[in-house]
Amino acid sequence: MSDAILHDHNQDGVDRRGFLKCMAWAGTGMLWAVQGGVLRSIPLNGLGVGALKGELFFAQISDSHIGFSKDANPDVTATLQAAVDRLNALPERPAFVLHTGDISQLSRPSEFDTAEQVVGGIRTGRVFYVPGEHDVLSDNGKQYLDRFGRKSQGDGWYSMDHGGVHFVGLVNVLNLKAGGLGNLGATQLAWLRKDLARHSNSTPIVVFAHIPLWSVYPDWGWGTDDSEQALALLRRFGSVTVLNGHIHQVMQKVEGNIAFHTAMSTAFPQPAPGTAPSPGPLKVEPARLRSLLGTASVTFHQGQHALAVVDSALAAGTPSSGAAVNGALAAPAARRDTVIAAGDARVIRIDNFNFTPPELRIPRGSKVLWANADDVPHLIVSADGRFPSSRALDTNDQYTLTLDRPGSYPYFCQLHPKMTGRIIVE
C-alpha cells in the first residue's frame, strides 16, 4: 500500500503525492478490491478479467461528452465506440452497464441520438443512466428524462435490485448555486431514506451518481455539498460501493465499509486536483490519448463484502512514472483565441474557468458581452434572478445583455458554480 492515498494534508480528502502515484495506474487497467476495509490494487495484466467471474458482473462507462470536438479529442464518438468495442471483447458479457453522466456535451438532441446509437451496440441486457451537468443544460433535464429516465422518480433518481445487490442511481447536477458543489436536495434525500429502509444491513449497496459523493477537490466543485446526509444513511450497511464520473480519472477512497471509486472518461482526461490552475480538457499527444481514457467493470461474489472494480484503458501506453504523469495530467489544456466582436459592449472574457474582469463597472444602459475562450461550455446565470440566463456557450460563443437599472448584479456559471462574477451598474 505504499502508493495508496493515505494522507489528507489539507483536510480536503486528497493526498496529492499518493494521488499522483495512483494516477500512473489509471491507463493499465486495475482490479480494485475492498477486503476488511482495506483497499488494494492488482494489475489487470497480472490477473485477467476472466478471473473476476462471479454471481454478478457489470460495467461502467462515463463522461462520453458526445458533441465535444476540441483539440483534446476531435472525435469523442470514436473513443466511445472504442470503449463499446472493449466491453464487447470481454470474456464475460456484463449483465448491464451504468453510464454515470455527461452523455452529451451541450444537451443537443443530435448528441443524445449519437450516444444512444453507439451505447446501444454494447452486448448487455440494459444500460442505466444518471445525468451529468452537461445533460441538463437547456431544459432543466426534461429531454434527458424523456430519453433515459421515464421510470425514475423526481429529477431522475431510482433504485433496482440485481443479483442480491441493491443499486441506487442519484442525481446531483441540478439546482447548483454560486460557489456550490453538487447537490442532492431534501426531496431526494427523503426518498433515499425510505428506499434504504427496506433493506437489511447485510445487503450489498451500489450507489452511482455523476459528481463524486466525497470531497475530491472542492475548489473545482469536485464534490457534493450535502453528500454527508446520504452517507449517513449508508453507513449501517456492511458493503457500500459508490461509483462516480465527472473528474475523468481514477481515484479511490475508503471510509469504513464505504468504498468510493471515480472512473475515467471516454472523451478526454482532466488534470489531477490542484496540479493546474483549473479543471478542463487536457491535450496530450494523440498516440497517448486512449491510454488516459477507459471503462470500469465490477464483479460481485455472493457471500463476500468486496466488490472488485477493474479500470481498463482503451489502449496501452499510459505513463508509468510520477514525472510522466505530471507531464500528461498536470498541465492546462491549450486555449483557443476567441474572436470578440464587442462593438459598443463591455466585454467579460471567459478563459481558464475565470471571468475577466471578475467585477465590471458600467454606466446604466450599457451592453455587456460574455465571450467564451474556454474549450468547455459555460452557462451564465444571475445569482438573484435579475437578468435572464444565457444558453450554453460553447467555445467562441457570446452572450450579450443590456442592463438599465443601477445596482449590483452577481452571476455565476451554472456548469461550474465556483466561477463567479459581478457587474456594478452605476
Protein backbone atom coordinates (compact mmCIF):
# COMPACT_ATOMS: atom_id res chain seq x y z
CA MET A 1 0.00 0.00 0.00
CA SER A 2 2.97 2.36 -0.45
CA ASP A 3 1.18 4.06 -3.35
CA ALA A 4 -2.17 4.41 -1.61
CA ILE A 5 -3.87 7.71 -0.83
CA LEU A 6 -3.21 7.81 2.90
CA HIS A 7 -2.56 11.41 3.96
CA ASP A 8 -5.11 14.21 3.89
CA HIS A 9 -2.74 17.15 4.27
CA ASN A 10 -5.28 19.89 3.58
CA GLN A 11 -8.37 18.24 5.08
CA ASP A 12 -9.88 18.00 1.61
CA GLY A 13 -9.73 14.24 1.15
CA VAL A 14 -6.69 14.33 -1.15
CA ASP A 15 -3.15 13.10 -0.58
CA ARG A 16 -1.54 14.69 -3.62
CA ARG A 17 1.67 12.68 -3.60
CA GLY A 18 -0.20 9.44 -3.23
CA PHE A 19 -2.75 10.61 -5.80
CA LEU A 20 -0.14 11.25 -8.47
CA LYS A 21 1.34 7.80 -7.90
CA CYS A 22 -2.12 6.26 -8.18
CA MET A 23 -2.76 8.19 -11.37
CA ALA A 24 0.04 6.25 -13.04
CA TRP A 25 -2.09 3.12 -12.65
CA ALA A 26 -5.09 4.50 -14.50
CA GLY A 27 -4.14 3.58 -18.02
CA THR A 28 -3.09 -0.01 -17.45
CA GLY A 29 -6.33 -1.37 -16.03
CA MET A 30 -6.60 -2.26 -12.37
CA LEU A 31 -8.52 -4.58 -10.08
CA TRP A 32 -9.76 -2.72 -7.02
CA ALA A 33 -10.96 -4.78 -4.08
CA VAL A 34 -12.01 -3.89 -0.54
CA GLN A 35 -11.06 -6.57 1.94
CA GLY A 36 -11.59 -5.95 5.62
CA GLY A 37 -11.99 -2.25 4.95
CA VAL A 38 -8.60 -2.03 3.17
CA LEU A 39 -8.30 -1.07 -0.48
CA ARG A 40 -5.69 -2.92 -2.54
CA SER A 41 -4.90 -2.94 -6.24
CA ILE A 42 -3.85 -5.70 -8.61
CA PRO A 43 -2.69 -5.00 -12.19
CA LEU A 44 -5.20 -6.23 -14.71
CA ASN A 45 -2.47 -7.82 -16.81
CA GLY A 46 -1.47 -9.84 -13.75
CA LEU A 47 -4.93 -11.20 -13.16
CA GLY A 48 -7.12 -11.22 -16.23
CA VAL A 49 -10.79 -10.32 -16.36
CA GLY A 50 -11.73 -13.97 -16.60
CA ALA A 51 -10.64 -14.44 -13.00
CA LEU A 52 -13.31 -11.97 -11.89
CA LYS A 53 -16.35 -14.04 -12.75
CA GLY A 54 -18.95 -14.07 -10.04
CA GLU A 55 -22.67 -14.06 -9.47
CA LEU A 56 -22.90 -10.51 -10.82
CA PHE A 57 -20.69 -8.75 -13.34
CA PHE A 58 -21.47 -5.31 -14.73
CA ALA A 59 -19.62 -2.41 -16.36
CA GLN A 60 -19.42 1.37 -16.01
CA ILE A 61 -18.76 4.00 -18.65
CA SER A 62 -18.75 7.72 -18.02
CA ASP A 63 -18.34 11.20 -19.47
CA SER A 64 -18.70 10.43 -23.17
CA HIS A 65 -19.33 14.14 -23.95
CA ILE A 66 -20.73 13.45 -27.41
CA GLY A 67 -20.55 16.72 -29.33
CA PHE A 68 -17.16 17.78 -27.95
CA SER A 69 -14.74 18.35 -30.84
CA LYS A 70 -11.88 20.46 -29.47
CA ASP A 71 -8.16 19.73 -29.58
CA ALA A 72 -8.20 17.46 -26.53
CA ASN A 73 -10.17 14.91 -28.61
CA PRO A 74 -11.62 15.87 -32.00
CA ASP A 75 -13.57 12.59 -32.27
CA VAL A 76 -15.22 11.58 -29.00
CA THR A 77 -17.65 9.33 -30.86
CA ALA A 78 -14.73 7.19 -32.00
CA THR A 79 -13.36 6.82 -28.48
CA LEU A 80 -16.82 5.97 -27.13
CA GLN A 81 -17.06 3.33 -29.84
CA ALA A 82 -13.65 2.03 -28.76
CA ALA A 83 -14.99 1.70 -25.21
CA VAL A 84 -18.00 -0.21 -26.53
CA ASP A 85 -15.71 -2.49 -28.54
CA ARG A 86 -13.61 -3.15 -25.46
CA LEU A 87 -16.67 -4.09 -23.41
CA ASN A 88 -17.89 -6.36 -26.19
CA ALA A 89 -14.50 -8.10 -26.23
CA LEU A 90 -14.67 -9.04 -22.53
CA PRO A 91 -14.66 -12.81 -21.94
CA GLU A 92 -17.85 -12.40 -19.91
CA ARG A 93 -20.79 -10.31 -21.05
CA PRO A 94 -21.81 -7.72 -18.42
CA ALA A 95 -25.33 -8.12 -17.06
CA PHE A 96 -25.84 -4.39 -17.60
CA VAL A 97 -23.91 -1.13 -17.98
CA LEU A 98 -24.04 2.01 -15.85
CA HIS A 99 -23.41 5.32 -17.59
CA THR A 100 -22.52 7.85 -14.90
CA GLY A 101 -23.34 11.03 -16.78
CA ASP A 102 -22.22 13.71 -19.22
CA ILE A 103 -23.58 11.64 -22.05
CA SER A 104 -23.59 14.77 -24.20
CA GLN A 105 -21.63 18.00 -24.39
CA LEU A 106 -24.45 20.51 -24.89
CA SER A 107 -27.69 18.54 -24.32
CA ARG A 108 -28.48 18.66 -28.04
CA PRO A 109 -30.89 16.06 -29.49
CA SER A 110 -28.34 15.02 -32.12
CA GLU A 111 -25.75 14.36 -29.40
CA PHE A 112 -28.14 12.19 -27.42
CA ASP A 113 -29.09 10.38 -30.65
CA THR A 114 -25.45 9.54 -31.39
CA ALA A 115 -24.77 8.43 -27.83
CA GLU A 116 -27.80 6.16 -27.80
CA GLN A 117 -26.78 4.62 -31.10
CA VAL A 118 -23.22 3.88 -30.01
CA VAL A 119 -24.00 2.75 -26.47
CA GLY A 120 -26.84 0.65 -27.86
CA GLY A 121 -24.19 -1.51 -29.52
CA ILE A 122 -22.98 -2.89 -26.18
CA ARG A 123 -23.79 -6.57 -25.80
CA THR A 124 -25.57 -6.36 -22.49
CA GLY A 125 -29.02 -6.68 -21.01
CA ARG A 126 -29.61 -2.98 -20.38
CA VAL A 127 -27.91 0.37 -19.91
CA PHE A 128 -28.81 2.52 -16.87
CA TYR A 129 -28.08 6.24 -16.82
CA VAL A 130 -27.76 9.15 -14.43
CA PRO A 131 -27.34 12.68 -15.79
CA GLY A 132 -24.25 14.86 -15.75
CA GLU A 133 -24.42 18.63 -15.69
CA HIS A 134 -23.86 18.68 -19.46
CA ASP A 135 -27.05 16.65 -19.96
CA VAL A 136 -29.42 19.14 -18.31
CA LEU A 137 -28.39 22.44 -19.88
CA SER A 138 -31.33 23.61 -21.93
CA ASP A 139 -34.48 22.45 -20.14
CA ASN A 140 -33.51 21.50 -16.57
CA GLY A 141 -33.24 17.88 -17.61
CA LYS A 142 -36.60 17.30 -19.33
CA GLN A 143 -35.05 15.95 -22.53
CA TYR A 144 -32.78 13.66 -20.51
CA LEU A 145 -35.75 12.33 -18.52
CA ASP A 146 -37.80 11.72 -21.66
CA ARG A 147 -34.99 9.63 -23.14
CA PHE A 148 -33.33 7.92 -20.19
CA GLY A 149 -35.43 8.39 -17.05
CA ARG A 150 -39.04 7.59 -17.86
CA LYS A 151 -39.45 5.22 -14.92
CA SER A 152 -37.39 7.27 -12.48
CA GLN A 153 -38.50 9.39 -9.55
CA GLY A 154 -38.28 13.18 -9.20
CA ASP A 155 -35.42 14.59 -11.28
CA GLY A 156 -34.23 11.14 -12.35
CA TRP A 157 -33.30 9.12 -9.27
CA TYR A 158 -34.26 5.44 -8.94
CA SER A 159 -33.22 2.10 -7.48
CA MET A 160 -33.20 -1.54 -8.56
CA ASP A 161 -32.14 -4.96 -7.29
CA HIS A 162 -29.95 -7.34 -9.23
CA GLY A 163 -28.12 -10.50 -8.19
CA GLY A 164 -28.53 -9.81 -4.48
CA VAL A 165 -27.22 -6.24 -4.75
CA HIS A 166 -29.29 -3.07 -4.31
CA PHE A 167 -28.42 -0.31 -6.80
CA VAL A 168 -29.28 3.35 -6.27
CA GLY A 169 -28.94 5.97 -9.01
CA LEU A 170 -28.77 9.53 -7.66
CA VAL A 171 -28.91 12.95 -9.33
CA ASN A 172 -26.60 15.66 -8.01
CA VAL A 173 -26.21 18.01 -11.00
CA LEU A 174 -29.34 20.17 -10.69
CA ASN A 175 -30.00 23.29 -8.62
CA LEU A 176 -26.33 24.18 -8.30
CA LYS A 177 -25.77 27.51 -6.56
CA ALA A 178 -22.99 30.05 -6.99
CA GLY A 179 -19.89 28.79 -5.22
CA GLY A 180 -21.55 25.42 -4.57
CA LEU A 181 -20.82 21.80 -5.34
CA GLY A 182 -23.09 19.02 -6.49
CA ASN A 183 -26.43 18.90 -4.70
CA LEU A 184 -28.87 16.09 -3.86
CA GLY A 185 -31.61 18.13 -2.18
CA ALA A 186 -34.07 17.39 0.61
CA THR A 187 -36.64 15.62 -1.59
CA GLN A 188 -34.16 13.12 -2.98
CA LEU A 189 -32.61 12.50 0.43
CA ALA A 190 -36.06 11.76 1.89
CA TRP A 191 -36.67 9.29 -0.93
CA LEU A 192 -33.28 7.66 -0.30
CA ARG A 193 -34.07 7.19 3.38
CA LYS A 194 -37.30 5.35 2.54
CA ASP A 195 -35.64 3.32 -0.21
CA LEU A 196 -32.81 2.07 2.01
CA ALA A 197 -35.13 1.37 4.97
CA ARG A 198 -36.47 -1.68 3.12
CA HIS A 199 -33.08 -3.44 3.14
CA SER A 200 -31.13 -5.24 5.84
CA ASN A 201 -27.65 -4.23 6.95
CA SER A 202 -26.17 -7.21 5.11
CA THR A 203 -27.45 -6.12 1.68
CA PRO A 204 -24.59 -5.01 -0.59
CA ILE A 205 -25.31 -1.48 -1.88
CA VAL A 206 -24.01 0.18 -5.05
CA VAL A 207 -24.67 3.91 -5.41
CA PHE A 208 -23.92 5.67 -8.67
CA ALA A 209 -24.09 9.37 -9.48
CA HIS A 210 -22.21 11.81 -11.69
CA ILE A 211 -20.39 14.13 -9.26
CA PRO A 212 -18.42 12.33 -6.52
CA LEU A 213 -20.14 11.93 -3.16
CA TRP A 214 -16.94 12.77 -1.31
CA SER A 215 -14.88 15.94 -1.37
CA VAL A 216 -12.27 15.18 -4.00
CA TYR A 217 -11.38 18.85 -4.55
CA PRO A 218 -13.99 21.45 -3.55
CA ASP A 219 -12.07 24.31 -5.16
CA TRP A 220 -13.02 22.81 -8.53
CA GLY A 221 -16.51 21.77 -7.49
CA TRP A 222 -15.44 18.12 -7.26
CA GLY A 223 -17.78 17.02 -4.50
CA THR A 224 -21.41 17.14 -3.33
CA ASP A 225 -22.31 19.65 -0.64
CA ASP A 226 -24.99 17.54 1.09
CA SER A 227 -23.42 14.13 0.46
CA GLU A 228 -22.79 13.57 4.17
CA GLN A 229 -26.54 13.23 4.71
CA ALA A 230 -26.66 10.44 2.13
CA LEU A 231 -23.54 8.74 3.50
CA ALA A 232 -25.04 8.76 7.00
CA LEU A 233 -27.90 6.63 5.65
CA LEU A 234 -25.44 4.20 4.03
CA ARG A 235 -23.04 3.58 6.91
CA ARG A 236 -25.15 0.87 8.54
CA PHE A 237 -24.63 -1.43 5.56
CA GLY A 238 -21.74 -3.87 5.56
CA SER A 239 -20.71 -3.24 1.96
CA VAL A 240 -21.26 0.02 0.04
CA THR A 241 -19.61 0.92 -3.26
CA VAL A 242 -20.05 4.43 -4.69
CA LEU A 243 -19.34 4.87 -8.41
CA ASN A 244 -18.98 8.33 -9.99
CA GLY A 245 -17.63 10.09 -13.04
CA HIS A 246 -17.16 13.83 -13.60
CA ILE A 247 -13.43 14.15 -12.82
CA HIS A 248 -12.26 12.00 -15.77
CA GLN A 249 -9.67 9.99 -13.82
CA VAL A 250 -9.40 7.11 -11.40
CA MET A 251 -9.42 7.99 -7.73
CA GLN A 252 -10.19 5.87 -4.68
CA LYS A 253 -11.16 6.38 -1.06
CA VAL A 254 -12.41 4.06 1.69
CA GLU A 255 -14.35 5.20 4.75
CA GLY A 256 -15.29 2.24 6.93
CA ASN A 257 -17.42 -0.04 4.75
CA ILE A 258 -17.93 2.60 2.03
CA ALA A 259 -15.59 2.45 -0.96
CA PHE A 260 -15.58 5.40 -3.39
CA HIS A 261 -14.46 4.99 -6.98
CA THR A 262 -14.34 7.60 -9.76
CA ALA A 263 -13.99 6.50 -13.38
CA MET A 264 -12.04 7.56 -16.42
CA SER A 265 -13.84 9.36 -19.22
CA THR A 266 -14.24 8.02 -22.74
CA ALA A 267 -13.75 11.58 -24.11
CA PHE A 268 -10.76 13.40 -22.61
CA PRO A 269 -8.63 13.47 -19.45
CA GLN A 270 -8.60 16.24 -16.84
CA PRO A 271 -5.74 17.32 -14.56
CA ALA A 272 -5.13 15.85 -11.14
CA PRO A 273 -6.73 18.06 -8.48
CA GLY A 274 -4.66 21.05 -7.51
CA THR A 275 -1.99 20.45 -10.16
CA ALA A 276 -3.28 23.02 -12.65
CA PRO A 277 -4.95 26.43 -12.44
CA SER A 278 -8.31 24.88 -13.27
CA PRO A 279 -10.02 21.69 -14.43
CA GLY A 280 -10.84 21.16 -18.07
CA PRO A 281 -9.89 19.10 -21.12
CA LEU A 282 -6.21 18.19 -21.33
CA LYS A 283 -4.48 17.94 -24.67
CA VAL A 284 -1.95 15.13 -24.87
CA GLU A 285 -0.12 13.51 -27.76
CA PRO A 286 -2.64 11.67 -29.98
CA ALA A 287 -0.77 8.40 -29.51
CA ARG A 288 -1.25 8.62 -25.73
CA LEU A 289 -4.86 9.82 -25.59
CA ARG A 290 -6.52 6.41 -25.43
CA SER A 291 -4.23 5.30 -22.61
CA LEU A 292 -5.87 8.03 -20.48
CA LEU A 293 -9.45 7.06 -21.38
CA GLY A 294 -11.26 3.92 -20.33
CA THR A 295 -14.03 1.91 -18.71
CA ALA A 296 -14.63 0.10 -15.43
CA SER A 297 -16.07 -3.33 -14.75
CA VAL A 298 -17.40 -4.59 -11.42
CA THR A 299 -17.86 -8.11 -10.08
CA PHE A 300 -19.87 -9.16 -7.03
CA HIS A 301 -19.33 -12.55 -5.37
CA GLN A 302 -22.20 -13.77 -3.21
CA GLY A 303 -21.13 -14.07 0.41
CA GLN A 304 -18.22 -11.63 0.09
CA HIS A 305 -18.26 -7.98 1.16
CA ALA A 306 -15.86 -6.80 -1.53
CA LEU A 307 -16.87 -5.68 -4.99
CA ALA A 308 -13.93 -5.91 -7.40
CA VAL A 309 -13.59 -2.89 -9.71
CA VAL A 310 -11.34 -3.12 -12.77
CA ASP A 311 -10.35 0.06 -14.61
CA SER A 312 -9.25 -0.63 -18.14
CA ALA A 313 -7.79 1.90 -20.59
CA LEU A 314 -8.82 1.98 -24.24
CA ALA A 315 -5.19 1.43 -25.29
CA ALA A 316 -1.79 0.74 -23.81
CA GLY A 317 0.82 3.41 -23.35
CA THR A 318 -0.12 5.10 -20.11
CA PRO A 319 2.64 6.96 -18.24
CA SER A 320 4.36 4.67 -15.76
CA SER A 321 6.18 7.19 -13.59
CA GLY A 322 5.24 10.18 -11.46
CA ALA A 323 7.19 12.52 -13.75
CA ALA A 324 5.32 11.31 -16.80
CA VAL A 325 2.01 11.70 -15.02
CA ASN A 326 2.86 15.26 -14.12
CA GLY A 327 3.67 15.97 -17.74
CA ALA A 328 0.49 14.38 -19.08
CA LEU A 329 -2.07 15.31 -16.47
CA ALA A 330 -0.95 18.41 -14.66
CA ALA A 331 -0.82 20.99 -17.46
CA PRO A 332 -3.85 23.03 -18.54
CA ALA A 333 -5.28 22.40 -21.96
CA ALA A 334 -4.29 24.71 -24.77
CA ARG A 335 -6.81 27.55 -25.12
CA ARG A 336 -8.08 28.91 -28.38
CA ASP A 337 -8.05 32.59 -29.16
CA THR A 338 -11.55 34.00 -29.06
CA VAL A 339 -12.74 36.39 -31.72
CA ILE A 340 -14.58 39.10 -29.81
CA ALA A 341 -16.89 41.39 -31.76
CA ALA A 342 -17.53 43.88 -28.99
CA GLY A 343 -18.89 46.92 -30.82
CA ASP A 344 -20.11 49.24 -28.07
CA ALA A 345 -20.37 46.44 -25.50
CA ARG A 346 -18.16 45.98 -22.45
CA VAL A 347 -16.50 42.56 -22.65
CA ILE A 348 -16.20 39.87 -19.97
CA ARG A 349 -13.82 37.18 -21.21
CA ILE A 350 -14.31 33.59 -20.05
CA ASP A 351 -10.97 31.81 -20.03
CA ASN A 352 -9.32 29.14 -17.90
CA PHE A 353 -12.51 28.86 -15.83
CA ASN A 354 -12.46 32.54 -14.85
CA PHE A 355 -14.44 35.68 -15.67
CA THR A 356 -12.16 38.59 -16.62
CA PRO A 357 -12.65 41.10 -15.17
CA PRO A 358 -14.29 39.44 -12.15
CA GLU A 359 -16.04 42.74 -11.37
CA LEU A 360 -17.15 45.11 -14.11
CA ARG A 361 -18.46 48.64 -13.50
CA ILE A 362 -20.63 50.14 -16.23
CA PRO A 363 -23.00 53.10 -16.66
CA ARG A 364 -26.71 52.28 -16.84
CA GLY A 365 -27.97 51.27 -20.27
CA SER A 366 -24.64 49.66 -21.24
CA LYS A 367 -24.29 46.40 -23.11
CA VAL A 368 -22.28 43.58 -21.58
CA LEU A 369 -20.81 40.80 -23.71
CA TRP A 370 -19.55 37.49 -22.32
CA ALA A 371 -17.13 35.74 -24.73
CA ASN A 372 -16.17 32.11 -24.09
CA ALA A 373 -12.50 31.35 -24.80
CA ASP A 374 -12.53 28.03 -22.94
CA ASP A 375 -12.61 24.58 -24.50
CA VAL A 376 -15.71 23.73 -22.49
CA PRO A 377 -19.18 25.33 -22.42
CA HIS A 378 -20.31 27.80 -19.80
CA LEU A 379 -23.80 28.99 -18.90
CA ILE A 380 -24.27 32.46 -17.37
CA VAL A 381 -26.87 32.62 -14.58
CA SER A 382 -27.91 35.57 -12.43
CA ALA A 383 -27.37 34.72 -8.76
CA ASP A 384 -30.51 36.64 -7.77
CA GLY A 385 -32.64 36.24 -10.90
CA ARG A 386 -32.23 39.84 -12.06
CA PHE A 387 -31.42 39.01 -15.67
CA PRO A 388 -32.17 36.05 -17.99
CA SER A 389 -29.74 33.18 -18.25
CA SER A 390 -27.67 32.60 -21.36
CA ARG A 391 -27.82 29.45 -23.42
CA ALA A 392 -24.86 27.08 -23.07
CA LEU A 393 -21.94 28.98 -24.60
CA ASP A 394 -19.53 26.74 -26.48
CA THR A 395 -16.03 27.86 -27.49
CA ASN A 396 -16.16 31.28 -29.23
CA ASP A 397 -19.86 31.70 -28.43
CA GLN A 398 -21.03 35.02 -26.97
CA TYR A 399 -23.89 36.35 -24.88
CA THR A 400 -24.93 40.00 -24.86
CA LEU A 401 -27.13 41.73 -22.31
CA THR A 402 -28.21 45.33 -21.71
CA LEU A 403 -28.56 46.43 -18.09
CA ASP A 404 -30.68 49.54 -17.46
CA ARG A 405 -31.20 49.58 -13.71
CA PRO A 406 -28.46 50.66 -11.28
CA GLY A 407 -27.30 48.11 -8.73
CA SER A 408 -25.22 45.02 -8.20
CA TYR A 409 -25.66 42.01 -10.50
CA PRO A 410 -23.85 38.92 -9.17
CA TYR A 411 -23.70 35.94 -11.55
CA PHE A 412 -22.06 32.54 -11.90
CA CYS A 413 -21.62 29.65 -14.34
CA GLN A 414 -24.32 27.04 -13.89
CA LEU A 415 -21.96 24.31 -15.08
CA HIS A 416 -19.07 25.40 -12.87
CA PRO A 417 -20.56 27.20 -9.85
CA LYS A 418 -17.18 28.15 -8.40
CA MET A 419 -16.91 30.58 -11.31
CA THR A 420 -18.47 33.82 -10.08
CA GLY A 421 -18.51 37.44 -11.20
CA ARG A 422 -20.28 40.73 -10.56
CA ILE A 423 -21.48 43.67 -12.63
CA ILE A 424 -22.00 47.05 -10.96
CA VAL A 425 -24.38 49.35 -12.86
CA GLU A 426 -23.87 52.98 -11.80
